[in-house]
Amino acid sequence: MACTVAIASLAVGPSGAAQPLANKTTFEYRQYRSIAELTNSMREIKQRLDAAEVKFGSGNTNVAKLLSDLASCYADLGEDAQALLLNQRSLSILEA
């Protein structure tokens, strides 16, 4: 289940009144999935990734797609470093 969250960007001016920050959007919309959905997706993708590496080898484009999917899940959890590593590995497979 996904939900949309709006985050307001405001600053307090000299008069004490809240004002939007200059050169920034007033609202930022993001899609969020539940933690349970993310962890279930990650578990399933990891299982499919292991099977694909055994069946096709670690340099196959199917493996690259699964790595990219797993990276998206990590990014949704806020684990950007892990997402970056997986995306880099996926890209290196696709470039080869």
Protein backbone atom coordinates (compact mmCIF):
# COMPACT_ATOMS: atom_id res chain seq x y z
CA MET A 1 0.00 0.00 0.00
CA ALA A 2 1.48 3.32 -1.05
CA CYS A 3 0.68 6.71 0.38
CA THR A 4 1.66 10.19 -0.64
CA VAL A 5 3.10 12.59 1.90
CA ALA A 6 3.44 16.35 1.43
CA ILE A 7 6.29 18.10 3.22
CA ALA A 8 6.13 21.87 3.54
CA SER A 9 9.32 23.94 3.38
CA LEU A 10 8.88 27.10 5.42
CA ALA A 11 11.19 29.57 7.12
CA VAL A 12 10.41 32.07 9.85
CA GLY A 13 10.98 35.64 8.69
CA PRO A 14 12.02 38.66 10.78
CA SER A 15 8.39 39.47 11.54
CA GLY A 16 7.90 35.97 12.96
CA ALA A 17 5.60 34.95 10.10
CA ALA A 18 6.26 31.70 8.24
CA GLN A 19 7.35 32.25 4.65
CA PRO A 20 8.27 29.76 1.90
CA LEU A 21 12.01 29.35 1.37
CA ALA A 22 13.32 31.21 -1.69
CA ASN A 23 14.08 29.13 -4.81
CA LYS A 24 12.56 25.95 -3.36
CA THR A 25 9.31 24.24 -4.07
CA THR A 26 6.68 24.75 -1.41
CA PHE A 27 5.73 21.08 -1.23
CA GLU A 28 7.66 17.93 -1.98
CA TYR A 29 5.65 14.81 -2.76
CA ARG A 30 7.06 11.32 -2.19
CA GLN A 31 5.66 7.83 -2.60
CA TYR A 32 6.10 5.64 0.46
CA ARG A 33 5.48 1.94 0.79
CA SER A 34 5.03 0.18 4.09
CA ILE A 35 8.12 -1.30 5.73
CA ALA A 36 6.54 -4.75 5.66
CA GLU A 37 5.92 -4.49 1.92
CA LEU A 38 9.49 -3.36 1.33
CA THR A 39 11.07 -6.14 3.38
CA ASN A 40 8.87 -8.75 1.70
CA SER A 41 9.85 -7.37 -1.72
CA MET A 42 13.51 -7.38 -0.78
CA ARG A 43 13.38 -10.97 0.42
CA GLU A 44 11.67 -12.07 -2.80
CA ILE A 45 14.12 -10.14 -5.00
CA LYS A 46 17.12 -11.58 -3.14
CA GLN A 47 15.77 -15.11 -3.69
CA ARG A 48 15.21 -14.43 -7.39
CA LEU A 49 18.66 -12.82 -7.62
CA ASP A 50 20.37 -15.88 -6.11
CA ALA A 51 18.48 -18.17 -8.50
CA ALA A 52 19.28 -15.97 -11.52
CA GLU A 53 23.00 -15.87 -10.66
CA VAL A 54 23.07 -19.67 -10.47
CA LYS A 55 21.05 -20.13 -13.68
CA PHE A 56 22.46 -17.35 -15.89
CA GLY A 57 25.74 -16.29 -14.24
CA SER A 58 26.54 -13.08 -12.42
CA GLY A 59 27.05 -11.05 -15.61
CA ASN A 60 23.59 -11.54 -17.10
CA THR A 61 21.17 -8.68 -17.80
CA ASN A 62 18.46 -10.46 -15.80
CA VAL A 63 20.76 -10.24 -12.79
CA ALA A 64 21.34 -6.53 -13.52
CA LYS A 65 17.58 -5.88 -13.54
CA LEU A 66 17.13 -7.66 -10.19
CA LEU A 67 20.05 -5.70 -8.72
CA SER A 68 18.40 -2.48 -9.84
CA ASP A 69 15.08 -3.55 -8.31
CA LEU A 70 16.80 -4.38 -5.03
CA ALA A 71 18.58 -1.02 -5.10
CA SER A 72 15.22 0.73 -5.42
CA CYS A 73 13.99 -1.03 -2.29
CA TYR A 74 17.09 0.01 -0.35
CA ALA A 75 16.65 3.59 -1.57
CA ASP A 76 13.02 3.55 -0.39
CA LEU A 77 14.27 2.48 3.04
CA GLY A 78 16.73 5.35 3.06
CA GLU A 79 19.79 3.12 2.79
CA ASP A 80 21.35 5.11 -0.02
CA ALA A 81 24.87 3.71 0.30
CA GLN A 82 23.66 0.14 -0.25
CA ALA A 83 21.41 1.30 -3.10
CA LEU A 84 24.36 3.03 -4.75
CA LEU A 85 26.53 -0.10 -4.56
CA LEU A 86 23.80 -2.26 -6.10
CA ASN A 87 23.11 0.28 -8.85
CA GLN A 88 26.82 0.49 -9.66
CA ARG A 89 27.04 -3.29 -9.90
CA SER A 90 23.97 -3.35 -12.13
CA LEU A 91 25.41 -0.65 -14.38
CA SER A 92 28.73 -2.45 -14.70
CA ILE A 93 26.89 -5.57 -15.89
CA LEU A 94 24.88 -3.59 -18.44
CA GLU A 95 27.97 -1.78 -19.75
CA ALA A 96 29.93 -5.00 -20.28
